[in-house]
Amino acid sequence: MFCNPPYGREIGKWVEKAYQTNKESGDLVVMLLPARTDTKWFHDFIYKKAEIRFVKGRLKFGGSKSGAPFPSMVVIYRKKGGASDGKTQGAAAGICGHMPGI
């Protein structure tokens, strides 16, 4: 599952949901996130719990001439034994869909 959540104040809830889903189902979850290493959600759900790949430079979206105003990172929660094989939808399939309360 790939997720590029909204980058607003609720991002921590999306990161927590991804972490919990991987922990419970073992499904692979990959997220594109702002590299905000000073946040509670980073330390609670990413640091020492996931692979982190920092993106060199600033991402540009669409035909934008300037890059994002912040650095980015790719966070990877690896597939665990017994998780979905990708041929059927595992628990992670719903992470980036509708999340009640968000």
C-alpha atoms as a PDB file:
ATOM      1  CA  MET A   1       0.000   0.000   0.000  1.00  0.00           C
ATOM      2  CA  PHE A   2       1.261   3.464  -0.916  1.00  0.00           C
ATOM      3  CA  CYS A   3      -0.045   6.527   0.890  1.00  0.00           C
ATOM      4  CA  ASN A   4       0.572  10.230   0.335  1.00  0.00           C
ATOM      5  CA  PRO A   5      -1.626  11.662   3.109  1.00  0.00           C
ATOM      6  CA  PRO A   6      -2.800  15.253   3.469  1.00  0.00           C
ATOM      7  CA  TYR A   7       0.040  17.316   4.935  1.00  0.00           C
ATOM      8  CA  GLY A   8      -2.089  19.190   7.477  1.00  0.00           C
ATOM      9  CA  ARG A   9      -2.451  18.982  11.240  1.00  0.00           C
ATOM     10  CA  GLU A  10      -4.023  15.511  11.029  1.00  0.00           C
ATOM     11  CA  ILE A  11      -0.991  13.859   9.401  1.00  0.00           C
ATOM     12  CA  GLY A  12      -0.015  12.207  12.680  1.00  0.00           C
ATOM     13  CA  LYS A  13      -3.277  10.230  12.670  1.00  0.00           C
ATOM     14  CA  TRP A  14      -2.508   8.938   9.164  1.00  0.00           C
ATOM     15  CA  VAL A  15       1.002   7.902  10.213  1.00  0.00           C
ATOM     16  CA  GLU A  16      -0.316   6.188  13.344  1.00  0.00           C
ATOM     17  CA  LYS A  17      -2.922   4.302  11.268  1.00  0.00           C
ATOM     18  CA  ALA A  18      -0.233   3.109   8.842  1.00  0.00           C
ATOM     19  CA  TYR A  19       1.995   1.985  11.717  1.00  0.00           C
ATOM     20  CA  GLN A  20      -0.844   0.160  13.499  1.00  0.00           C
ATOM     21  CA  THR A  21      -2.034  -1.508  10.285  1.00  0.00           C
ATOM     22  CA  ASN A  22       1.438  -2.848   9.549  1.00  0.00           C
ATOM     23  CA  LYS A  23       1.865  -3.962  13.153  1.00  0.00           C
ATOM     24  CA  GLU A  24      -1.478  -5.808  13.165  1.00  0.00           C
ATOM     25  CA  SER A  25      -1.653  -7.211   9.612  1.00  0.00           C
ATOM     26  CA  GLY A  26       1.989  -7.265   8.557  1.00  0.00           C
ATOM     27  CA  ASP A  27       1.144  -5.686   5.181  1.00  0.00           C
ATOM     28  CA  LEU A  28       3.719  -3.524   3.411  1.00  0.00           C
ATOM     29  CA  VAL A  29       2.984   0.189   3.814  1.00  0.00           C
ATOM     30  CA  VAL A  30       4.936   2.950   2.045  1.00  0.00           C
ATOM     31  CA  MET A  31       4.284   6.618   2.770  1.00  0.00           C
ATOM     32  CA  LEU A  32       5.512   9.863   1.193  1.00  0.00           C
ATOM     33  CA  LEU A  33       5.742  12.400   4.000  1.00  0.00           C
ATOM     34  CA  PRO A  34       7.266  15.748   4.863  1.00  0.00           C
ATOM     35  CA  ALA A  35      10.570  15.124   6.683  1.00  0.00           C
ATOM     36  CA  ARG A  36       9.466  16.594   9.991  1.00  0.00           C
ATOM     37  CA  THR A  37      11.815  14.841  12.376  1.00  0.00           C
ATOM     38  CA  ASP A  38      10.936  17.228  15.195  1.00  0.00           C
ATOM     39  CA  THR A  39       7.350  16.005  15.528  1.00  0.00           C
ATOM     40  CA  LYS A  40       5.744  13.646  18.007  1.00  0.00           C
ATOM     41  CA  TRP A  41       4.366  11.435  15.199  1.00  0.00           C
ATOM     42  CA  PHE A  42       7.838  10.981  13.743  1.00  0.00           C
ATOM     43  CA  HIS A  43       9.279   9.781  17.059  1.00  0.00           C
ATOM     44  CA  ASP A  44       6.232   7.734  18.119  1.00  0.00           C
ATOM     45  CA  PHE A  45       5.548   5.896  14.848  1.00  0.00           C
ATOM     46  CA  ILE A  46       8.537   6.163  12.497  1.00  0.00           C
ATOM     47  CA  TYR A  47      11.906   6.566  14.237  1.00  0.00           C
ATOM     48  CA  LYS A  48      13.410   3.102  14.924  1.00  0.00           C
ATOM     49  CA  LYS A  49      10.137   1.501  13.712  1.00  0.00           C
ATOM     50  CA  ALA A  50      10.386   1.924   9.936  1.00  0.00           C
ATOM     51  CA  GLU A  51      12.884   2.368   7.137  1.00  0.00           C
ATOM     52  CA  ILE A  52      13.373   6.014   6.269  1.00  0.00           C
ATOM     53  CA  ARG A  53      14.631   7.270   2.903  1.00  0.00           C
ATOM     54  CA  PHE A  54      15.241  11.011   2.734  1.00  0.00           C
ATOM     55  CA  VAL A  55      14.587  12.550  -0.679  1.00  0.00           C
ATOM     56  CA  LYS A  56      17.481  14.628  -1.996  1.00  0.00           C
ATOM     57  CA  GLY A  57      16.382  18.180  -2.817  1.00  0.00           C
ATOM     58  CA  ARG A  58      12.782  19.349  -2.834  1.00  0.00           C
ATOM     59  CA  LEU A  59       9.959  17.591  -4.660  1.00  0.00           C
ATOM     60  CA  LYS A  60       8.129  19.365  -7.455  1.00  0.00           C
ATOM     61  CA  PHE A  61       4.511  18.517  -8.124  1.00  0.00           C
ATOM     62  CA  GLY A  62       2.869  18.865 -11.525  1.00  0.00           C
ATOM     63  CA  GLY A  63       4.173  21.742 -13.629  1.00  0.00           C
ATOM     64  CA  SER A  64       5.379  23.728 -10.631  1.00  0.00           C
ATOM     65  CA  LYS A  65       8.530  25.798 -11.198  1.00  0.00           C
ATOM     66  CA  SER A  66       9.484  25.744  -7.530  1.00  0.00           C
ATOM     67  CA  GLY A  67       9.939  22.848  -5.164  1.00  0.00           C
ATOM     68  CA  ALA A  68       8.032  22.024  -1.999  1.00  0.00           C
ATOM     69  CA  PRO A  69       8.784  24.365   0.938  1.00  0.00           C
ATOM     70  CA  PHE A  70       9.982  21.405   3.020  1.00  0.00           C
ATOM     71  CA  PRO A  71      12.156  18.290   2.610  1.00  0.00           C
ATOM     72  CA  SER A  72      10.466  14.931   2.056  1.00  0.00           C
ATOM     73  CA  MET A  73      10.985  11.338   3.110  1.00  0.00           C
ATOM     74  CA  VAL A  74       9.700   7.927   2.114  1.00  0.00           C
ATOM     75  CA  VAL A  75       8.741   5.782   5.109  1.00  0.00           C
ATOM     76  CA  ILE A  76       8.580   2.013   4.652  1.00  0.00           C
ATOM     77  CA  TYR A  77       6.900  -0.444   6.989  1.00  0.00           C
ATOM     78  CA  ARG A  78       8.061  -3.789   5.597  1.00  0.00           C
ATOM     79  CA  LYS A  79       5.793  -6.757   4.937  1.00  0.00           C
ATOM     80  CA  LYS A  80       5.827  -9.297   7.753  1.00  0.00           C
ATOM     81  CA  GLY A  81       5.265 -13.053   7.606  1.00  0.00           C
ATOM     82  CA  GLY A  82       1.674 -14.090   6.899  1.00  0.00           C
ATOM     83  CA  ALA A  83       0.750 -10.746   5.347  1.00  0.00           C
ATOM     84  CA  SER A  84      -1.215 -10.295   2.148  1.00  0.00           C
ATOM     85  CA  ASP A  85       0.582 -11.557  -0.957  1.00  0.00           C
ATOM     86  CA  GLY A  86      -0.518  -8.591  -3.066  1.00  0.00           C
ATOM     87  CA  LYS A  87      -3.004 -10.698  -5.056  1.00  0.00           C
ATOM     88  CA  THR A  88      -5.768  -9.995  -2.589  1.00  0.00           C
ATOM     89  CA  GLN A  89      -6.441  -6.842  -0.651  1.00  0.00           C
ATOM     90  CA  GLY A  90      -4.907  -6.947   2.775  1.00  0.00           C
ATOM     91  CA  ALA A  91      -5.752  -4.737   5.731  1.00  0.00           C
ATOM     92  CA  ALA A  92      -3.502  -1.974   4.401  1.00  0.00           C
ATOM     93  CA  ALA A  93      -5.743  -1.471   1.369  1.00  0.00           C
ATOM     94  CA  GLY A  94      -8.011   0.838   3.340  1.00  0.00           C
ATOM     95  CA  ILE A  95      -5.417   3.124   4.911  1.00  0.00           C
ATOM     96  CA  CYS A  96      -5.593   5.886   2.329  1.00  0.00           C
ATOM     97  CA  GLY A  97      -9.283   5.540   1.750  1.00  0.00           C
ATOM     98  CA  HIS A  98     -11.827   7.168   4.025  1.00  0.00           C
ATOM     99  CA  MET A  99     -10.618   7.371   7.606  1.00  0.00           C
ATOM    100  CA  PRO A 100     -13.486   8.106  10.015  1.00  0.00           C
ATOM    101  CA  GLY A 101     -12.732  11.060  12.234  1.00  0.00           C
ATOM    102  CA  ILE A 102     -10.058  12.498   9.956  1.00  0.00           C
END
